[in-house]
Structures are given as C-alpha cells and as structure tokens.
Amino acid sequence: MATRSSSQGILSDDKAEAREQIVELLKQAYFGELETVINYVTNSTNPDGLRAQEIRESLTEDVQEELGHAQQFAARIKELYGVVPSSVDFIAQQQALAPPADQTDLAHVVKGVIEAETSAIELYNKLIEVTEEVDPVTNDMVVAILRDEEGHRRLFEGFLRELEPGSS
C-alpha cells in the first residue's frame, strides 16, 4: 500500500495558496462558532417569560455543538499548517445576538439566532465551494457542520413563526 506524501493533495507545496485561503476561511468559521457560544450562553440565561424556557433549553443544548464545531475548525487549521488564532485577533460580528433591553423580547433573540445561523451557512457554503476540488477532508467536515447549522436555523424559524404569526 502506498503512503500519501506531502507532494500530493492540499498539503503539497504547489497548493500553498489554496491552503492559505482555506485556512483564512476556517479562522473566520472558528471565531464565528466561538462568538456563537458566547451569545448562546448569554441568550440561554437572560430571557424571561412564559415562552422563554424552550428557547433557553434549545440554546443551552446548542452551546456544546457549536463549541465542538469550533474545535473541529481549530484542529483543521492546525492540520493545514495554520496557526489557530487567539482572542487577541477576535472581532465581534454578531450584533443581532446582543441581549435585548427587554428580557421578555424573545423575538429579538430568535431573530438574532436566525441571522447568526444564516451568516454561518453562507460562510460554510463558500468554504464548501473553495474546498470542492482541492481539499476533500475539509469539504466533508464543513458539509457535516453545515447540516447542523441548517437544522438550527430551521428550528428557530419555527420559533419565530410561533412568536410572530404571519412572519416567514
């Protein structure tokens, strides 16, 4: 059985430019997932009201999954000879997930989750496109994570329809 050398595939020297582009996108995904963890912890704690419990529970469950995604992105960055960034490089992006002034404003929280999941889905589709022909390992990983994010968005779209009948 032949062993694969670094002269083939995404780890080869001639794929350095593609690898660097993929690593930069993975860093964006990594920070996005970590920011989502922060915001999901916040929004699984703060909301009040009769209908808040299911949303809080859903976000609490999602925290571990999102953290797992961040860990997968970090591992892949390292495998591609990148350096996993620290909080020094972090710039917050998810303004819509900031807690509302009125802790009973569940629609605000749900819309923020939908926006964050939509942003992740857009980034992951770009990553899938970029890795399609050159990096099947990253491609497979991101396809699996994309499925999780689409499921999260769909769940919260259902919450929004309940909170704001007639919105779709």
C-alpha atoms as a PDB file:
ATOM      1  CA  MET A   1       0.000   0.000   0.000  1.00  0.00           C
ATOM      2  CA  ALA A   2       1.435   3.375  -0.992  1.00  0.00           C
ATOM      3  CA  THR A   3       1.590   6.120   1.570  1.00  0.00           C
ATOM      4  CA  ARG A   4       0.470   9.583   0.648  1.00  0.00           C
ATOM      5  CA  SER A   5       3.287  12.084   0.713  1.00  0.00           C
ATOM      6  CA  SER A   6       3.093  15.821   1.182  1.00  0.00           C
ATOM      7  CA  SER A   7       3.757  16.176  -2.540  1.00  0.00           C
ATOM      8  CA  GLN A   8       0.089  15.337  -3.166  1.00  0.00           C
ATOM      9  CA  GLY A   9      -3.185  16.956  -2.229  1.00  0.00           C
ATOM     10  CA  ILE A  10      -3.878  20.071  -0.208  1.00  0.00           C
ATOM     11  CA  LEU A  11      -0.701  19.624   1.866  1.00  0.00           C
ATOM     12  CA  SER A  12       1.561  19.799  -1.187  1.00  0.00           C
ATOM     13  CA  ASP A  13       3.764  22.811  -1.805  1.00  0.00           C
ATOM     14  CA  ASP A  14       2.003  23.643  -5.054  1.00  0.00           C
ATOM     15  CA  LYS A  15      -1.307  24.021  -3.161  1.00  0.00           C
ATOM     16  CA  ALA A  16       0.082  26.541  -0.644  1.00  0.00           C
ATOM     17  CA  GLU A  17      -2.039  29.426  -1.951  1.00  0.00           C
ATOM     18  CA  ALA A  18      -5.273  27.411  -1.878  1.00  0.00           C
ATOM     19  CA  ARG A  19      -4.362  26.085   1.563  1.00  0.00           C
ATOM     20  CA  GLU A  20      -3.807  29.628   2.885  1.00  0.00           C
ATOM     21  CA  GLN A  21      -7.193  30.741   1.520  1.00  0.00           C
ATOM     22  CA  ILE A  22      -8.877  27.764   3.178  1.00  0.00           C
ATOM     23  CA  VAL A  23      -7.106  28.441   6.485  1.00  0.00           C
ATOM     24  CA  GLU A  24      -8.309  32.065   6.448  1.00  0.00           C
ATOM     25  CA  LEU A  25     -11.906  30.929   5.886  1.00  0.00           C
ATOM     26  CA  LEU A  26     -11.515  28.318   8.638  1.00  0.00           C
ATOM     27  CA  LYS A  27     -10.324  31.057  11.003  1.00  0.00           C
ATOM     28  CA  GLN A  28     -13.482  33.054  10.235  1.00  0.00           C
ATOM     29  CA  ALA A  29     -15.565  29.956  10.925  1.00  0.00           C
ATOM     30  CA  TYR A  30     -13.643  29.264  14.142  1.00  0.00           C
ATOM     31  CA  PHE A  31     -14.245  32.759  15.507  1.00  0.00           C
ATOM     32  CA  GLY A  32     -17.875  32.661  14.354  1.00  0.00           C
ATOM     33  CA  GLU A  33     -18.510  29.473  16.288  1.00  0.00           C
ATOM     34  CA  LEU A  34     -16.795  30.810  19.419  1.00  0.00           C
ATOM     35  CA  GLU A  35     -18.800  34.037  19.244  1.00  0.00           C
ATOM     36  CA  THR A  36     -21.941  31.953  18.843  1.00  0.00           C
ATOM     37  CA  VAL A  37     -21.031  30.018  22.001  1.00  0.00           C
ATOM     38  CA  ILE A  38     -20.708  33.285  23.947  1.00  0.00           C
ATOM     39  CA  ASN A  39     -24.009  34.591  22.630  1.00  0.00           C
ATOM     40  CA  TYR A  40     -25.875  31.325  23.103  1.00  0.00           C
ATOM     41  CA  VAL A  41     -24.738  31.154  26.733  1.00  0.00           C
ATOM     42  CA  THR A  42     -25.948  34.747  27.165  1.00  0.00           C
ATOM     43  CA  ASN A  43     -29.261  34.118  25.441  1.00  0.00           C
ATOM     44  CA  SER A  44     -29.825  30.807  27.211  1.00  0.00           C
ATOM     45  CA  THR A  45     -29.597  32.655  30.518  1.00  0.00           C
ATOM     46  CA  ASN A  46     -31.184  36.101  30.124  1.00  0.00           C
ATOM     47  CA  PRO A  47     -34.652  35.629  28.565  1.00  0.00           C
ATOM     48  CA  ASP A  48     -37.685  35.778  30.819  1.00  0.00           C
ATOM     49  CA  GLY A  49     -41.345  34.988  30.349  1.00  0.00           C
ATOM     50  CA  LEU A  50     -43.711  32.102  29.889  1.00  0.00           C
ATOM     51  CA  ARG A  51     -42.407  31.088  26.459  1.00  0.00           C
ATOM     52  CA  ALA A  52     -38.696  31.562  27.168  1.00  0.00           C
ATOM     53  CA  GLN A  53     -37.975  28.101  28.581  1.00  0.00           C
ATOM     54  CA  GLU A  54     -37.943  26.197  25.274  1.00  0.00           C
ATOM     55  CA  ILE A  55     -35.701  28.772  23.609  1.00  0.00           C
ATOM     56  CA  ARG A  56     -33.312  28.799  26.580  1.00  0.00           C
ATOM     57  CA  GLU A  57     -33.152  24.996  26.578  1.00  0.00           C
ATOM     58  CA  SER A  58     -32.522  24.831  22.838  1.00  0.00           C
ATOM     59  CA  LEU A  59     -29.680  27.350  23.064  1.00  0.00           C
ATOM     60  CA  THR A  60     -28.184  25.532  26.051  1.00  0.00           C
ATOM     61  CA  GLU A  61     -28.081  22.300  24.023  1.00  0.00           C
ATOM     62  CA  ASP A  62     -26.586  24.103  21.025  1.00  0.00           C
ATOM     63  CA  VAL A  63     -23.669  25.542  23.046  1.00  0.00           C
ATOM     64  CA  GLN A  64     -21.844  22.195  23.180  1.00  0.00           C
ATOM     65  CA  GLU A  65     -22.440  21.516  19.496  1.00  0.00           C
ATOM     66  CA  GLU A  66     -21.151  24.957  18.474  1.00  0.00           C
ATOM     67  CA  LEU A  67     -18.113  24.549  20.722  1.00  0.00           C
ATOM     68  CA  GLY A  68     -17.462  21.199  19.044  1.00  0.00           C
ATOM     69  CA  HIS A  69     -17.597  22.912  15.644  1.00  0.00           C
ATOM     70  CA  ALA A  70     -15.038  25.477  16.817  1.00  0.00           C
ATOM     71  CA  GLN A  71     -12.772  22.664  17.987  1.00  0.00           C
ATOM     72  CA  GLN A  72     -13.085  20.911  14.627  1.00  0.00           C
ATOM     73  CA  PHE A  73     -12.203  24.121  12.792  1.00  0.00           C
ATOM     74  CA  ALA A  74      -9.217  24.677  15.095  1.00  0.00           C
ATOM     75  CA  ALA A  75      -7.915  21.151  14.509  1.00  0.00           C
ATOM     76  CA  ARG A  76      -8.254  21.525  10.748  1.00  0.00           C
ATOM     77  CA  ILE A  77      -6.450  24.873  10.774  1.00  0.00           C
ATOM     78  CA  LYS A  78      -3.536  23.174  12.528  1.00  0.00           C
ATOM     79  CA  GLU A  79      -3.605  20.177  10.159  1.00  0.00           C
ATOM     80  CA  LEU A  80      -3.312  22.592   7.221  1.00  0.00           C
ATOM     81  CA  TYR A  81      -0.173  24.118   8.761  1.00  0.00           C
ATOM     82  CA  GLY A  82      -2.030  27.175  10.004  1.00  0.00           C
ATOM     83  CA  VAL A  83      -1.903  28.721  13.439  1.00  0.00           C
ATOM     84  CA  VAL A  84      -5.134  28.767  15.429  1.00  0.00           C
ATOM     85  CA  PRO A  85      -5.739  32.408  16.369  1.00  0.00           C
ATOM     86  CA  SER A  86      -6.245  33.704  19.892  1.00  0.00           C
ATOM     87  CA  SER A  87      -8.762  36.131  21.348  1.00  0.00           C
ATOM     88  CA  VAL A  88      -6.347  38.971  20.558  1.00  0.00           C
ATOM     89  CA  ASP A  89      -7.380  38.582  16.898  1.00  0.00           C
ATOM     90  CA  PHE A  90     -11.093  38.323  17.622  1.00  0.00           C
ATOM     91  CA  ILE A  91     -13.530  40.980  16.331  1.00  0.00           C
ATOM     92  CA  ALA A  92     -17.182  40.600  17.327  1.00  0.00           C
ATOM     93  CA  GLN A  93     -19.608  40.292  14.393  1.00  0.00           C
ATOM     94  CA  GLN A  94     -22.917  39.099  15.839  1.00  0.00           C
ATOM     95  CA  GLN A  95     -24.502  42.400  16.862  1.00  0.00           C
ATOM     96  CA  ALA A  96     -28.001  40.955  16.400  1.00  0.00           C
ATOM     97  CA  LEU A  97     -27.384  38.456  19.220  1.00  0.00           C
ATOM     98  CA  ALA A  98     -26.727  41.142  21.835  1.00  0.00           C
ATOM     99  CA  PRO A  99     -29.352  40.732  24.541  1.00  0.00           C
ATOM    100  CA  PRO A 100     -32.399  42.964  24.210  1.00  0.00           C
ATOM    101  CA  ALA A 101     -33.140  45.614  26.821  1.00  0.00           C
ATOM    102  CA  ASP A 102     -36.457  43.858  27.466  1.00  0.00           C
ATOM    103  CA  GLN A 103     -35.613  40.319  28.573  1.00  0.00           C
ATOM    104  CA  THR A 104     -39.085  39.147  27.518  1.00  0.00           C
ATOM    105  CA  ASP A 105     -38.383  40.137  23.879  1.00  0.00           C
ATOM    106  CA  LEU A 106     -37.973  36.576  22.659  1.00  0.00           C
ATOM    107  CA  ALA A 107     -38.447  37.547  19.016  1.00  0.00           C
ATOM    108  CA  HIS A 108     -35.256  39.632  19.239  1.00  0.00           C
ATOM    109  CA  VAL A 109     -33.317  36.626  20.499  1.00  0.00           C
ATOM    110  CA  VAL A 110     -34.791  34.283  17.890  1.00  0.00           C
ATOM    111  CA  LYS A 111     -34.121  36.724  15.033  1.00  0.00           C
ATOM    112  CA  GLY A 112     -30.529  37.088  16.251  1.00  0.00           C
ATOM    113  CA  VAL A 113     -30.070  33.313  16.203  1.00  0.00           C
ATOM    114  CA  ILE A 114     -31.525  33.110  12.686  1.00  0.00           C
ATOM    115  CA  GLU A 115     -29.177  35.862  11.499  1.00  0.00           C
ATOM    116  CA  ALA A 116     -26.135  34.171  13.080  1.00  0.00           C
ATOM    117  CA  GLU A 117     -27.038  30.782  11.604  1.00  0.00           C
ATOM    118  CA  THR A 118     -27.637  32.356   8.192  1.00  0.00           C
ATOM    119  CA  SER A 119     -24.202  34.002   8.287  1.00  0.00           C
ATOM    120  CA  ALA A 120     -22.606  30.682   9.231  1.00  0.00           C
ATOM    121  CA  ILE A 121     -24.467  28.892   6.438  1.00  0.00           C
ATOM    122  CA  GLU A 122     -23.255  31.457   3.901  1.00  0.00           C
ATOM    123  CA  LEU A 123     -19.639  31.130   5.074  1.00  0.00           C
ATOM    124  CA  TYR A 124     -19.797  27.329   5.106  1.00  0.00           C
ATOM    125  CA  ASN A 125     -21.224  27.224   1.596  1.00  0.00           C
ATOM    126  CA  LYS A 126     -18.292  29.377   0.477  1.00  0.00           C
ATOM    127  CA  LEU A 127     -15.876  27.014   2.249  1.00  0.00           C
ATOM    128  CA  ILE A 128     -17.510  24.041   0.554  1.00  0.00           C
ATOM    129  CA  GLU A 129     -17.150  25.722  -2.829  1.00  0.00           C
ATOM    130  CA  VAL A 130     -13.484  26.619  -2.230  1.00  0.00           C
ATOM    131  CA  THR A 131     -12.585  23.120  -0.988  1.00  0.00           C
ATOM    132  CA  GLU A 132     -14.668  21.159  -3.520  1.00  0.00           C
ATOM    133  CA  GLU A 133     -11.844  20.049  -5.811  1.00  0.00           C
ATOM    134  CA  VAL A 134      -8.761  20.626  -3.658  1.00  0.00           C
ATOM    135  CA  ASP A 135      -9.461  19.589  -0.066  1.00  0.00           C
ATOM    136  CA  PRO A 136     -11.950  16.739   0.385  1.00  0.00           C
ATOM    137  CA  VAL A 137     -11.229  16.395   4.120  1.00  0.00           C
ATOM    138  CA  THR A 138     -12.171  19.983   4.929  1.00  0.00           C
ATOM    139  CA  ASN A 139     -15.051  19.745   2.472  1.00  0.00           C
ATOM    140  CA  ASP A 140     -16.540  16.696   4.214  1.00  0.00           C
ATOM    141  CA  MET A 141     -16.143  18.283   7.643  1.00  0.00           C
ATOM    142  CA  VAL A 142     -17.821  21.528   6.597  1.00  0.00           C
ATOM    143  CA  VAL A 143     -20.684  19.715   4.838  1.00  0.00           C
ATOM    144  CA  ALA A 144     -21.458  17.909   8.113  1.00  0.00           C
ATOM    145  CA  ILE A 145     -21.287  21.136  10.131  1.00  0.00           C
ATOM    146  CA  LEU A 146     -23.474  22.906   7.548  1.00  0.00           C
ATOM    147  CA  ARG A 147     -26.187  20.339   8.136  1.00  0.00           C
ATOM    148  CA  ASP A 148     -26.180  21.157  11.854  1.00  0.00           C
ATOM    149  CA  GLU A 149     -26.420  24.884  11.167  1.00  0.00           C
ATOM    150  CA  GLU A 150     -29.285  24.458   8.706  1.00  0.00           C
ATOM    151  CA  GLY A 151     -31.140  22.429  11.329  1.00  0.00           C
ATOM    152  CA  HIS A 152     -30.590  25.143  13.946  1.00  0.00           C
ATOM    153  CA  ARG A 153     -31.857  27.837  11.617  1.00  0.00           C
ATOM    154  CA  ARG A 154     -34.929  25.817  10.696  1.00  0.00           C
ATOM    155  CA  LEU A 155     -35.768  25.234  14.378  1.00  0.00           C
ATOM    156  CA  PHE A 156     -35.540  28.933  15.188  1.00  0.00           C
ATOM    157  CA  GLU A 157     -37.560  29.879  12.119  1.00  0.00           C
ATOM    158  CA  GLY A 158     -40.291  27.732  13.689  1.00  0.00           C
ATOM    159  CA  PHE A 159     -39.923  29.599  16.990  1.00  0.00           C
ATOM    160  CA  LEU A 160     -40.256  32.901  15.109  1.00  0.00           C
ATOM    161  CA  ARG A 161     -43.445  31.766  13.343  1.00  0.00           C
ATOM    162  CA  GLU A 162     -44.903  30.981  16.750  1.00  0.00           C
ATOM    163  CA  LEU A 163     -43.791  34.284  18.281  1.00  0.00           C
ATOM    164  CA  GLU A 164     -44.816  36.381  15.276  1.00  0.00           C
ATOM    165  CA  PRO A 165     -47.630  34.610  13.418  1.00  0.00           C
ATOM    166  CA  GLY A 166     -47.621  35.558   9.764  1.00  0.00           C
ATOM    167  CA  SER A 167     -43.833  36.062   9.576  1.00  0.00           C
ATOM    168  CA  SER A 168     -41.954  33.670   7.345  1.00  0.00           C
END
